[in-house]
Amino acid sequence: MSLQSRIGSLKERHASLETRIAEEDGRPRPDSEALFQLKVEKLRLKEELDRLEHQPPN
């Protein structure tokens, strides 16, 4: 997998998590544990994206 396709895949997963977080948060009684786990995963993906986007070219 090329670097650009990896970054694209991570961006898609990040956007999907953002949608899931918004859906969960919009429920009448959001599951705080589920929200926490989704946010942790979203942050992990964001950190990996930042690392990949700012690494020097080979």
N, C-alpha and C. Protein backbone atom coordinates (compact mmCIF):
# COMPACT_ATOMS: atom_id res chain seq x y z
N MET A 1 0.86 -1.18 0.00
CA MET A 1 0.00 0.00 0.00
C MET A 1 0.89 1.23 0.00
N SER A 2 0.61 2.15 -0.90
CA SER A 2 1.41 3.37 -0.96
C SER A 2 1.06 4.28 0.21
N LEU A 3 1.95 5.21 0.45
CA LEU A 3 1.76 6.15 1.55
C LEU A 3 0.47 6.95 1.35
N GLN A 4 0.24 7.41 0.13
CA GLN A 4 -0.96 8.22 -0.14
C GLN A 4 -2.24 7.41 0.04
N SER A 5 -2.23 6.15 -0.37
CA SER A 5 -3.44 5.34 -0.18
C SER A 5 -3.66 5.04 1.30
N ARG A 6 -2.57 4.86 2.05
CA ARG A 6 -2.68 4.65 3.50
C ARG A 6 -3.28 5.89 4.17
N ILE A 7 -2.79 7.06 3.78
CA ILE A 7 -3.30 8.32 4.34
C ILE A 7 -4.78 8.48 3.98
N GLY A 8 -5.14 8.16 2.73
CA GLY A 8 -6.55 8.25 2.31
C GLY A 8 -7.44 7.33 3.12
N SER A 9 -6.96 6.12 3.35
CA SER A 9 -7.72 5.15 4.14
C SER A 9 -7.91 5.63 5.58
N LEU A 10 -6.86 6.18 6.16
CA LEU A 10 -6.96 6.69 7.52
C LEU A 10 -7.92 7.87 7.60
N LYS A 11 -7.91 8.74 6.58
CA LYS A 11 -8.82 9.89 6.56
C LYS A 11 -10.27 9.42 6.48
N GLU A 12 -10.52 8.36 5.69
CA GLU A 12 -11.88 7.82 5.59
C GLU A 12 -12.33 7.25 6.94
N ARG A 13 -11.46 6.50 7.60
CA ARG A 13 -11.79 5.94 8.91
C ARG A 13 -12.02 7.05 9.93
N HIS A 14 -11.20 8.11 9.86
CA HIS A 14 -11.33 9.24 10.78
C HIS A 14 -12.70 9.92 10.59
N ALA A 15 -13.08 10.13 9.32
CA ALA A 15 -14.38 10.75 9.02
C ALA A 15 -15.53 9.86 9.48
N SER A 16 -15.37 8.56 9.31
CA SER A 16 -16.40 7.62 9.75
C SER A 16 -16.58 7.68 11.27
N LEU A 17 -15.47 7.75 11.98
CA LEU A 17 -15.54 7.86 13.44
C LEU A 17 -16.20 9.17 13.85
N GLU A 18 -15.91 10.23 13.13
CA GLU A 18 -16.52 11.53 13.43
C GLU A 18 -18.03 11.43 13.29
N THR A 19 -18.50 10.75 12.26
CA THR A 19 -19.93 10.56 12.06
C THR A 19 -20.54 9.72 13.18
N ARG A 20 -19.87 8.64 13.54
CA ARG A 20 -20.37 7.77 14.61
C ARG A 20 -20.42 8.52 15.95
N ILE A 21 -19.44 9.37 16.19
CA ILE A 21 -19.43 10.17 17.43
C ILE A 21 -20.62 11.12 17.43
N ALA A 22 -20.85 11.79 16.31
CA ALA A 22 -21.97 12.73 16.22
C ALA A 22 -23.31 12.00 16.41
N GLU A 23 -23.43 10.81 15.81
CA GLU A 23 -24.66 10.03 15.96
C GLU A 23 -24.88 9.62 17.41
N GLU A 24 -23.84 9.12 18.05
CA GLU A 24 -23.96 8.69 19.45
C GLU A 24 -24.27 9.88 20.35
N ASP A 25 -23.59 10.99 20.10
CA ASP A 25 -23.78 12.19 20.92
C ASP A 25 -25.18 12.78 20.73
N GLY A 26 -25.79 12.53 19.58
CA GLY A 26 -27.12 13.06 19.29
C GLY A 26 -28.26 12.22 19.85
N ARG A 27 -27.93 11.05 20.35
CA ARG A 27 -28.97 10.21 20.94
C ARG A 27 -29.49 10.84 22.23
N PRO A 28 -30.73 10.51 22.61
CA PRO A 28 -31.29 11.07 23.86
C PRO A 28 -30.44 10.72 25.10
N ARG A 29 -29.90 9.52 25.14
CA ARG A 29 -29.05 9.12 26.27
C ARG A 29 -27.77 8.50 25.72
N PRO A 30 -26.80 9.33 25.33
CA PRO A 30 -25.57 8.81 24.73
C PRO A 30 -24.83 7.89 25.70
N ASP A 31 -24.19 6.89 25.15
CA ASP A 31 -23.38 5.95 25.92
C ASP A 31 -22.00 6.59 26.10
N SER A 32 -21.73 7.06 27.30
CA SER A 32 -20.49 7.79 27.54
C SER A 32 -19.25 6.92 27.33
N GLU A 33 -19.34 5.63 27.64
CA GLU A 33 -18.20 4.74 27.43
C GLU A 33 -17.94 4.54 25.93
N ALA A 34 -19.00 4.37 25.17
CA ALA A 34 -18.85 4.22 23.72
C ALA A 34 -18.27 5.50 23.11
N LEU A 35 -18.77 6.66 23.56
CA LEU A 35 -18.23 7.93 23.08
C LEU A 35 -16.75 8.05 23.40
N PHE A 36 -16.37 7.69 24.59
CA PHE A 36 -14.97 7.76 24.99
C PHE A 36 -14.11 6.89 24.08
N GLN A 37 -14.54 5.65 23.84
CA GLN A 37 -13.76 4.74 23.01
C GLN A 37 -13.65 5.25 21.56
N LEU A 38 -14.75 5.79 21.04
CA LEU A 38 -14.72 6.34 19.69
C LEU A 38 -13.76 7.53 19.60
N LYS A 39 -13.79 8.38 20.60
CA LYS A 39 -12.91 9.55 20.61
C LYS A 39 -11.44 9.15 20.75
N VAL A 40 -11.17 8.14 21.55
CA VAL A 40 -9.79 7.66 21.70
C VAL A 40 -9.29 7.12 20.35
N GLU A 41 -10.12 6.34 19.68
CA GLU A 41 -9.73 5.79 18.37
C GLU A 41 -9.53 6.90 17.35
N LYS A 42 -10.42 7.90 17.36
CA LYS A 42 -10.30 9.03 16.44
C LYS A 42 -8.99 9.78 16.69
N LEU A 43 -8.65 9.99 17.93
CA LEU A 43 -7.40 10.66 18.26
C LEU A 43 -6.19 9.84 17.81
N ARG A 44 -6.25 8.53 18.01
CA ARG A 44 -5.16 7.66 17.58
C ARG A 44 -4.95 7.76 16.07
N LEU A 45 -6.05 7.75 15.31
CA LEU A 45 -5.96 7.90 13.86
C LEU A 45 -5.41 9.26 13.47
N LYS A 46 -5.84 10.30 14.16
CA LYS A 46 -5.36 11.66 13.88
C LYS A 46 -3.86 11.75 14.09
N GLU A 47 -3.39 11.16 15.18
CA GLU A 47 -1.95 11.19 15.46
C GLU A 47 -1.17 10.42 14.39
N GLU A 48 -1.70 9.29 13.95
CA GLU A 48 -1.03 8.52 12.90
C GLU A 48 -1.03 9.29 11.58
N LEU A 49 -2.14 9.94 11.26
CA LEU A 49 -2.21 10.76 10.06
C LEU A 49 -1.17 11.88 10.10
N ASP A 50 -1.10 12.58 11.22
CA ASP A 50 -0.12 13.67 11.36
C ASP A 50 1.30 13.15 11.17
N ARG A 51 1.58 12.00 11.76
CA ARG A 51 2.92 11.42 11.66
C ARG A 51 3.24 11.07 10.20
N LEU A 52 2.30 10.44 9.51
CA LEU A 52 2.54 10.04 8.13
C LEU A 52 2.64 11.24 7.20
N GLU A 53 1.81 12.24 7.42
CA GLU A 53 1.82 13.41 6.54
C GLU A 53 3.06 14.28 6.73
N HIS A 54 3.70 14.17 7.86
CA HIS A 54 4.87 15.01 8.13
C HIS A 54 6.19 14.26 8.14
N GLN A 55 6.16 13.01 7.73
CA GLN A 55 7.43 12.27 7.70
C GLN A 55 8.18 12.64 6.42
N PRO A 56 9.49 12.67 6.51
CA PRO A 56 10.28 13.03 5.32
C PRO A 56 10.15 11.95 4.24
N PRO A 57 10.18 12.35 2.99
CA PRO A 57 10.07 11.36 1.90
C PRO A 57 11.28 10.43 1.90
N ASN A 58 11.05 9.22 1.40
CA ASN A 58 12.14 8.22 1.34
C ASN A 58 13.11 8.53 0.26
